Amino acid sequence: MVDFRLSEEQEALRASVQEFAREQVAPVIAEHYEHKTFPYELIRQMGKMGLFGLPFPEEHGGMGGDYFALCLALEELARVDSSVAITLEAAVSLGAMPIFRFGTAEQKARWLPQLTSGENLAGFGLTEPGSGSDAAAIATRAVLDEKTNEWVINGSKAFITNSGTDITALVTVMAATGTRPDGSKELSTIIVPSGTPGFTVAPGYSKVGWCASDTHELSFDDVRVPAENLLGQRGRGFAQFLRILDEGRIAIAALSVGLAQGCVDESVAYAKQRHAFGQPIGNYQAVQFLIADMELRAHTARVGYYDAASRMLAGEDFKRYAAVAKLHASNAAMDNSRYATQVHGGYGFMNESAVGRFYRDAKILEVGEGTSEVQRMIISRDLGL
């Protein structure tokens, strides 16, 4: 019989992150969100808790856990705030994970201890101003200067998370490093440390949501890094990117579930305290049904990411299930944030309210790390269509 109940160790992790989110994140995040400031102190505390090292072995400074442990932490953080949750998600699944999956022993020794501890962050330079879902259309180029044994990188990246903070250590950059016999681009991934001459970080975006997370456009003007900064095998960048995003979709699903569940939490509490026509609005069937549907979406989305994560950890093909989880959970987050705003009325339209932030944060979950349309393409193709 399938059992989706958490183990004692998993429950302890979930409870500790829940406590941190409610007692440390909740009291201060509205201020960060309003002023669009990065919550360095919260990130430092998360590092001390070991959250950035959850799925990594102890030999690399990690906690010796797994990807499901990361997902549990993301869900609990997102029940309170998505800016903090996406900072952790991107730092682990997009920042440190490529180095862990594909890096050399020297690259792992140099970078992983500072990334798994949360002392530093890393970004994943994939998306460009002219290419989003069509990653194969990447225009950034890297040419190997054989005289100096250096990669020379030119191009730009857009919407890159954790790329411009004071603790950002590096960005892994996807670039065309040549042309294949069939005329297609040879794509490779190269590590570019922060502060490298020619590597410029533009001012942070003015965003609809995730206002307390770090997102920038990056430019590379004759940026030179050693040849040994190549991450993994030359020409395997696209395959690496697909593997990283398959895993990341499970993490985004967990974050989406957290937001969806946070909408339930806030709506239940508000429905009990807000009175209309002489009684709590939670006594009215119209409100009860809205919240019941919200709980339905959050619960089924949680089962979806639990299933995808279990398949991944079992070594099974999980691509379709990750896409299903991400698609359903992001839809649930978007729908629940709309319902929660309706339950809260005018108060839900205020940025000072949690549901106001949830509403603004939810939409990007249907776009980031693969749009909903891309998820449907993956699912249908895997079904043989």
Protein backbone atom coordinates (compact mmCIF):
# COMPACT_ATOMS: atom_id res chain seq x y z
CA MET A 1 0.00 0.00 0.00
CA VAL A 2 1.34 3.45 -0.93
CA ASP A 3 2.09 5.58 2.13
CA PHE A 4 2.58 9.33 1.67
CA ARG A 5 3.05 10.01 5.36
CA LEU A 6 6.38 11.56 6.37
CA SER A 7 8.99 9.71 8.39
CA GLU A 8 9.87 10.96 11.85
CA GLU A 9 13.03 12.62 10.50
CA GLN A 10 11.16 14.25 7.61
CA GLU A 11 8.44 15.52 9.93
CA ALA A 12 11.09 17.03 12.22
CA LEU A 13 12.62 18.88 9.26
CA ARG A 14 9.24 20.10 8.08
CA ALA A 15 8.33 21.34 11.55
CA SER A 16 11.64 23.16 12.05
CA VAL A 17 11.30 25.00 8.73
CA GLN A 18 7.66 25.79 9.49
CA GLU A 19 8.69 27.33 12.81
CA PHE A 20 11.44 29.36 11.15
CA ALA A 21 9.08 30.62 8.44
CA ARG A 22 6.39 31.66 10.91
CA GLU A 23 8.62 33.15 13.60
CA GLN A 24 11.48 34.65 11.58
CA VAL A 25 10.26 35.20 8.01
CA ALA A 26 6.65 36.28 8.56
CA PRO A 27 7.37 39.30 10.83
CA VAL A 28 9.87 40.95 8.44
CA ILE A 29 9.13 39.84 4.89
CA ALA A 30 6.43 42.44 4.15
CA GLU A 31 8.97 45.21 4.75
CA HIS A 32 11.51 43.57 2.44
CA TYR A 33 8.82 43.02 -0.18
CA GLU A 34 7.60 46.61 -0.05
CA HIS A 35 11.09 48.09 -0.36
CA LYS A 36 12.44 45.38 -2.69
CA THR A 37 15.36 44.54 -0.44
CA PHE A 38 17.15 41.20 -0.29
CA PRO A 39 16.74 39.49 3.13
CA TYR A 40 20.40 38.75 3.86
CA GLU A 41 19.79 38.01 7.55
CA LEU A 42 17.13 35.41 6.75
CA ILE A 43 19.44 33.77 4.20
CA ARG A 44 22.21 33.68 6.78
CA GLN A 45 19.90 31.94 9.25
CA MET A 46 18.80 29.45 6.61
CA GLY A 47 22.47 28.69 5.97
CA LYS A 48 23.01 27.97 9.65
CA MET A 49 20.02 25.64 9.59
CA GLY A 50 21.68 23.68 6.78
CA LEU A 51 18.88 24.28 4.26
CA PHE A 52 21.25 25.06 1.38
CA GLY A 53 23.01 21.75 1.93
CA LEU A 54 19.95 19.52 2.31
CA PRO A 55 20.38 17.30 -0.80
CA PHE A 56 24.18 17.19 -0.84
CA PRO A 57 26.60 14.67 0.75
CA GLU A 58 28.45 15.62 3.90
CA GLU A 59 31.78 15.38 2.07
CA HIS A 60 30.80 18.54 0.18
CA GLY A 61 29.54 20.34 3.27
CA GLY A 62 25.97 19.17 2.83
CA MET A 63 23.48 17.63 5.22
CA GLY A 64 23.43 14.18 3.61
CA GLY A 65 19.73 14.37 2.77
CA ASP A 66 17.94 14.12 -0.55
CA TYR A 67 15.93 16.19 -3.01
CA PHE A 68 12.66 15.41 -1.23
CA ALA A 69 14.04 17.02 1.94
CA LEU A 70 14.69 20.17 -0.08
CA CYS A 71 11.11 20.07 -1.38
CA LEU A 72 9.69 19.81 2.13
CA ALA A 73 11.67 22.90 3.14
CA LEU A 74 10.53 24.81 0.06
CA GLU A 75 6.89 24.03 0.72
CA GLU A 76 7.03 25.30 4.28
CA LEU A 77 8.90 28.48 3.34
CA ALA A 78 6.46 29.25 0.52
CA ARG A 79 3.49 28.89 2.88
CA VAL A 80 4.73 32.19 4.29
CA ASP A 81 6.75 33.80 1.48
CA SER A 82 7.89 32.84 -2.01
CA SER A 83 10.81 35.28 -2.33
CA VAL A 84 12.73 33.44 0.38
CA ALA A 85 11.63 30.08 -1.01
CA ILE A 86 12.77 30.82 -4.57
CA THR A 87 16.11 32.07 -3.27
CA LEU A 88 16.68 28.64 -1.71
CA GLU A 89 15.28 26.73 -4.70
CA ALA A 90 17.43 28.56 -7.24
CA ALA A 91 20.53 28.44 -5.05
CA VAL A 92 20.30 24.67 -4.70
CA SER A 93 18.67 23.25 -7.83
CA LEU A 94 20.00 25.79 -10.32
CA GLY A 95 23.10 27.08 -8.58
CA ALA A 96 24.89 24.32 -6.70
CA MET A 97 23.31 21.25 -8.29
CA PRO A 98 24.95 21.66 -11.76
CA ILE A 99 28.37 21.73 -10.11
CA PHE A 100 27.50 18.69 -8.00
CA ARG A 101 26.07 16.76 -10.96
CA PHE A 102 28.64 17.63 -13.61
CA GLY A 103 31.67 19.29 -11.98
CA THR A 104 35.17 17.93 -11.69
CA ALA A 105 36.61 16.99 -8.30
CA GLU A 106 38.50 20.30 -8.28
CA GLN A 107 35.39 22.33 -9.12
CA LYS A 108 33.38 20.61 -6.43
CA ALA A 109 36.11 21.16 -3.83
CA ARG A 110 36.39 24.83 -4.71
CA TRP A 111 32.74 25.81 -4.94
CA LEU A 112 30.42 23.38 -3.16
CA PRO A 113 31.42 24.02 0.48
CA GLN A 114 30.57 27.72 0.20
CA LEU A 115 27.35 27.02 -1.72
CA THR A 116 26.03 24.20 0.46
CA SER A 117 26.64 26.27 3.59
CA GLY A 118 24.71 29.23 2.22
CA GLU A 119 27.78 31.42 2.67
CA ASN A 120 27.56 32.16 -1.05
CA LEU A 121 24.97 31.78 -3.80
CA ALA A 122 25.21 30.81 -7.47
CA GLY A 123 23.09 31.61 -10.51
CA PHE A 124 22.23 29.59 -13.61
CA GLY A 125 22.71 31.66 -16.78
CA LEU A 126 20.39 30.06 -19.31
CA THR A 127 17.58 32.41 -20.41
CA GLU A 128 18.41 35.21 -22.82
CA PRO A 129 16.50 38.33 -23.94
CA GLY A 130 15.78 36.69 -27.29
CA SER A 131 15.25 33.09 -26.19
CA GLY A 132 13.18 31.65 -23.38
CA SER A 133 11.54 28.28 -23.90
CA ASP A 134 13.62 27.86 -27.09
CA ALA A 135 16.89 27.29 -25.23
CA ALA A 136 18.57 25.93 -28.38
CA ALA A 137 18.38 29.46 -29.82
CA ILE A 138 21.02 30.71 -27.39
CA ALA A 139 23.10 33.51 -28.88
CA THR A 140 25.79 33.80 -26.19
CA ARG A 141 29.08 32.50 -27.58
CA ALA A 142 32.25 31.19 -25.98
CA VAL A 143 35.43 30.76 -28.03
CA LEU A 144 38.45 28.90 -26.73
CA ASP A 145 41.60 31.02 -27.06
CA GLU A 146 44.19 28.29 -27.50
CA LYS A 147 47.09 30.70 -26.91
CA THR A 148 45.98 31.55 -23.39
CA ASN A 149 43.85 28.44 -22.81
CA GLU A 150 40.88 30.61 -21.86
CA TRP A 151 37.23 30.79 -22.83
CA VAL A 152 36.23 34.19 -24.23
CA ILE A 153 32.52 34.77 -23.62
CA ASN A 154 30.26 37.35 -25.27
CA GLY A 155 26.50 37.68 -24.90
CA SER A 156 23.76 38.37 -22.39
CA LYS A 157 21.35 36.58 -20.08
CA ALA A 158 17.96 37.65 -18.71
CA PHE A 159 15.88 36.98 -15.58
CA ILE A 160 18.74 35.27 -13.70
CA THR A 161 18.03 34.59 -10.01
CA ASN A 162 20.71 35.01 -7.30
CA SER A 163 23.05 36.65 -9.81
CA GLY A 164 23.72 40.05 -8.25
CA THR A 165 23.73 39.76 -4.47
CA ASP A 166 26.75 40.64 -2.34
CA ILE A 167 27.17 36.91 -1.67
CA THR A 168 26.84 35.66 -5.28
CA ALA A 169 30.00 33.67 -6.02
CA LEU A 170 29.42 32.57 -9.61
CA VAL A 171 27.06 32.09 -12.51
CA THR A 172 27.16 29.02 -14.73
CA VAL A 173 26.70 30.28 -18.30
CA MET A 174 25.20 28.33 -21.17
CA ALA A 175 26.97 29.30 -24.40
CA ALA A 176 27.48 28.13 -27.96
CA THR A 177 31.02 26.79 -28.14
CA GLY A 178 30.95 25.62 -31.75
CA THR A 179 28.87 24.08 -34.51
CA ARG A 180 27.96 20.41 -34.88
CA PRO A 181 28.29 18.49 -38.17
CA ASP A 182 24.55 18.85 -38.75
CA GLY A 183 24.80 22.63 -38.45
CA SER A 184 23.24 22.90 -34.99
CA LYS A 185 24.90 24.75 -32.15
CA GLU A 186 27.26 22.99 -29.79
CA LEU A 187 26.14 24.14 -26.33
CA SER A 188 28.36 23.99 -23.26
CA THR A 189 28.24 25.31 -19.71
CA ILE A 190 31.03 27.45 -18.27
CA ILE A 191 31.59 28.71 -14.72
CA VAL A 192 32.04 32.48 -14.52
CA PRO A 193 33.04 33.78 -11.06
CA SER A 194 31.54 37.06 -9.88
CA GLY A 195 33.81 40.03 -10.44
CA THR A 196 35.42 38.63 -13.58
CA PRO A 197 36.36 41.57 -15.87
CA GLY A 198 33.74 42.12 -18.56
CA PHE A 199 31.00 40.40 -16.53
CA THR A 200 28.40 43.08 -15.79
CA VAL A 201 25.30 42.76 -13.63
CA ALA A 202 22.51 45.19 -14.54
CA PRO A 203 20.33 46.80 -11.83
CA GLY A 204 17.65 44.54 -10.43
CA TYR A 205 14.37 44.24 -12.30
CA SER A 206 11.19 45.96 -11.14
CA LYS A 207 9.03 42.84 -10.82
CA VAL A 208 5.36 42.10 -10.33
CA GLY A 209 6.18 39.51 -7.66
CA TRP A 210 9.08 37.84 -5.83
CA CYS A 211 10.01 41.39 -4.84
CA ALA A 212 12.41 40.31 -2.10
CA SER A 213 14.40 37.97 -4.35
CA ASP A 214 17.36 38.85 -6.55
CA THR A 215 16.91 38.90 -10.35
CA HIS A 216 19.11 40.58 -12.96
CA GLU A 217 20.09 40.79 -16.60
CA LEU A 218 23.74 39.87 -17.17
CA SER A 219 26.13 40.85 -19.94
CA PHE A 220 29.44 39.33 -20.98
CA ASP A 221 31.89 41.45 -22.96
CA ASP A 222 35.05 39.49 -23.82
CA VAL A 223 34.86 37.77 -20.46
CA ARG A 224 37.87 35.47 -20.03
CA VAL A 225 37.91 32.46 -17.73
CA PRO A 226 40.30 29.47 -17.62
CA ALA A 227 39.54 26.53 -19.90
CA GLU A 228 39.12 24.34 -16.83
CA ASN A 229 35.99 26.35 -15.95
CA LEU A 230 34.11 24.22 -18.49
CA LEU A 231 31.40 22.41 -16.51
CA GLY A 232 31.11 18.81 -17.61
CA GLN A 233 31.79 17.59 -21.12
CA ARG A 234 32.02 20.09 -23.96
CA GLY A 235 28.87 20.03 -26.08
CA ARG A 236 26.75 18.46 -23.33
CA GLY A 237 25.34 21.73 -22.02
CA PHE A 238 21.85 21.20 -23.42
CA ALA A 239 21.58 17.71 -21.92
CA GLN A 240 22.80 19.09 -18.58
CA PHE A 241 20.20 21.84 -18.73
CA LEU A 242 17.40 19.34 -19.36
CA ARG A 243 18.45 17.20 -16.39
CA ILE A 244 18.66 20.20 -14.07
CA LEU A 245 15.26 21.54 -15.13
CA ASP A 246 13.56 18.14 -14.78
CA GLU A 247 14.66 18.08 -11.14
CA GLY A 248 13.92 21.76 -10.66
CA ARG A 249 10.32 21.29 -11.76
CA ILE A 250 9.69 19.07 -8.76
CA ALA A 251 11.14 21.77 -6.52
CA ILE A 252 8.98 24.45 -8.16
CA ALA A 253 5.96 22.17 -7.69
CA ALA A 254 6.76 21.96 -3.98
CA LEU A 255 7.10 25.73 -3.77
CA SER A 256 3.77 26.10 -5.60
CA VAL A 257 2.10 23.74 -3.14
CA GLY A 258 3.43 25.86 -0.30
CA LEU A 259 1.90 28.98 -1.78
CA ALA A 260 -1.39 27.17 -2.44
CA GLN A 261 -1.47 25.88 1.14
CA GLY A 262 -0.56 29.30 2.50
CA CYS A 263 -3.66 30.64 0.77
CA VAL A 264 -5.73 28.04 2.62
CA ASP A 265 -4.08 28.90 5.95
CA GLU A 266 -4.71 32.62 5.57
CA SER A 267 -8.27 32.16 4.31
CA VAL A 268 -9.32 29.83 7.13
CA ALA A 269 -7.94 32.23 9.74
CA TYR A 270 -9.58 35.26 8.11
CA ALA A 271 -12.93 33.51 7.62
CA LYS A 272 -13.08 32.82 11.36
CA GLN A 273 -12.32 36.39 12.46
CA ARG A 274 -14.06 38.49 9.78
CA HIS A 275 -17.72 39.10 10.56
CA ALA A 276 -20.49 40.05 8.15
CA PHE A 277 -24.21 40.25 8.84
CA GLY A 278 -23.66 39.28 12.45
CA GLN A 279 -21.52 36.18 12.08
CA PRO A 280 -18.12 35.00 10.86
CA ILE A 281 -17.97 34.79 7.07
CA GLY A 282 -16.73 31.21 7.47
CA ASN A 283 -20.27 30.29 8.47
CA TYR A 284 -21.48 31.00 4.95
CA GLN A 285 -21.50 28.12 2.51
CA ALA A 286 -20.19 30.28 -0.35
CA VAL A 287 -16.98 30.96 1.59
CA GLN A 288 -16.75 27.39 2.89
CA PHE A 289 -16.88 26.01 -0.65
CA LEU A 290 -14.21 28.41 -1.90
CA ILE A 291 -11.85 27.27 0.84
CA ALA A 292 -12.74 23.59 0.41
CA ASP A 293 -11.79 23.81 -3.27
CA MET A 294 -8.54 25.51 -2.31
CA GLU A 295 -7.67 22.66 0.07
CA LEU A 296 -8.54 20.15 -2.66
CA ARG A 297 -6.08 21.75 -5.07
CA ALA A 298 -3.28 22.03 -2.50
CA HIS A 299 -3.65 18.43 -1.36
CA THR A 300 -3.73 16.84 -4.81
CA ALA A 301 -0.79 18.99 -5.94
CA ARG A 302 1.19 17.82 -2.92
CA VAL A 303 0.55 14.19 -3.81
CA GLY A 304 1.78 14.96 -7.32
CA TYR A 305 5.16 16.30 -6.26
CA TYR A 306 5.57 13.58 -3.64
CA ASP A 307 5.08 11.01 -6.40
CA ALA A 308 7.49 12.70 -8.82
CA ALA A 309 10.15 13.03 -6.12
CA SER A 310 9.81 9.39 -5.09
CA ARG A 311 10.29 8.27 -8.71
CA MET A 312 13.34 10.48 -9.07
CA LEU A 313 14.94 9.15 -5.89
CA ALA A 314 14.18 5.57 -6.98
CA GLY A 315 16.16 6.14 -10.16
CA GLU A 316 13.10 5.82 -12.40
CA ASP A 317 12.25 7.96 -15.43
CA PHE A 318 10.47 10.89 -13.81
CA LYS A 319 10.36 13.52 -16.58
CA ARG A 320 6.61 13.20 -17.28
CA TYR A 321 5.71 13.10 -13.60
CA ALA A 322 7.81 16.17 -12.83
CA ALA A 323 5.98 18.00 -15.63
CA VAL A 324 2.59 16.84 -14.29
CA ALA A 325 3.52 17.96 -10.77
CA LYS A 326 4.78 21.35 -11.89
CA LEU A 327 1.82 22.01 -14.18
CA HIS A 328 -0.83 21.03 -11.64
CA ALA A 329 0.84 22.71 -8.66
CA SER A 330 1.44 26.01 -10.45
CA ASN A 331 -2.20 26.03 -11.58
CA ALA A 332 -3.26 25.32 -7.99
CA ALA A 333 -1.13 28.18 -6.70
CA MET A 334 -2.58 30.62 -9.23
CA ASP A 335 -6.17 29.54 -8.61
CA ASN A 336 -5.80 29.49 -4.83
CA SER A 337 -4.28 32.95 -4.74
CA ARG A 338 -7.26 34.25 -6.71
CA TYR A 339 -9.73 32.50 -4.40
CA ALA A 340 -7.90 33.71 -1.28
CA THR A 341 -8.01 37.27 -2.52
CA GLN A 342 -11.76 36.87 -3.03
CA VAL A 343 -12.23 35.56 0.53
CA HIS A 344 -10.27 38.52 1.93
CA GLY A 345 -12.12 41.11 -0.15
CA GLY A 346 -10.50 44.54 -0.26
CA TYR A 347 -7.91 43.55 2.34
CA GLY A 348 -6.64 40.85 0.00
CA PHE A 349 -5.80 43.53 -2.56
CA MET A 350 -3.35 45.21 -0.18
CA ASN A 351 0.34 44.41 -0.44
CA GLU A 352 0.59 44.38 3.34
CA SER A 353 -1.53 41.21 3.41
CA ALA A 354 0.03 37.81 2.83
CA VAL A 355 -2.57 36.90 0.20
CA GLY A 356 -1.84 40.11 -1.69
CA ARG A 357 1.78 38.95 -1.98
CA PHE A 358 0.67 35.40 -2.81
CA TYR A 359 -1.47 36.74 -5.66
CA ARG A 360 1.46 38.66 -7.15
CA ASP A 361 3.90 35.80 -6.66
CA ALA A 362 1.76 33.02 -8.11
CA LYS A 363 1.82 33.92 -11.80
CA ILE A 364 5.55 33.38 -12.31
CA LEU A 365 5.12 29.76 -11.21
CA GLU A 366 3.27 29.12 -14.48
CA VAL A 367 6.23 30.59 -16.39
CA GLY A 368 9.54 29.93 -14.63
CA GLU A 369 11.57 26.74 -15.18
CA GLY A 370 9.35 25.80 -18.11
CA THR A 371 6.00 27.38 -18.97
CA SER A 372 2.74 25.50 -18.54
CA GLU A 373 2.69 25.03 -22.32
CA VAL A 374 6.12 23.39 -22.20
CA GLN A 375 4.90 21.04 -19.46
CA ARG A 376 1.97 20.00 -21.67
CA MET A 377 4.38 19.36 -24.54
CA ILE A 378 6.53 17.13 -22.33
CA ILE A 379 3.53 15.19 -21.06
CA SER A 380 1.94 14.66 -24.47
CA ARG A 381 5.23 13.62 -26.09
CA ASP A 382 5.91 11.15 -23.30
CA LEU A 383 2.47 9.67 -23.98
CA GLY A 384 3.55 9.03 -27.55
CA LEU A 385 1.71 11.91 -29.20
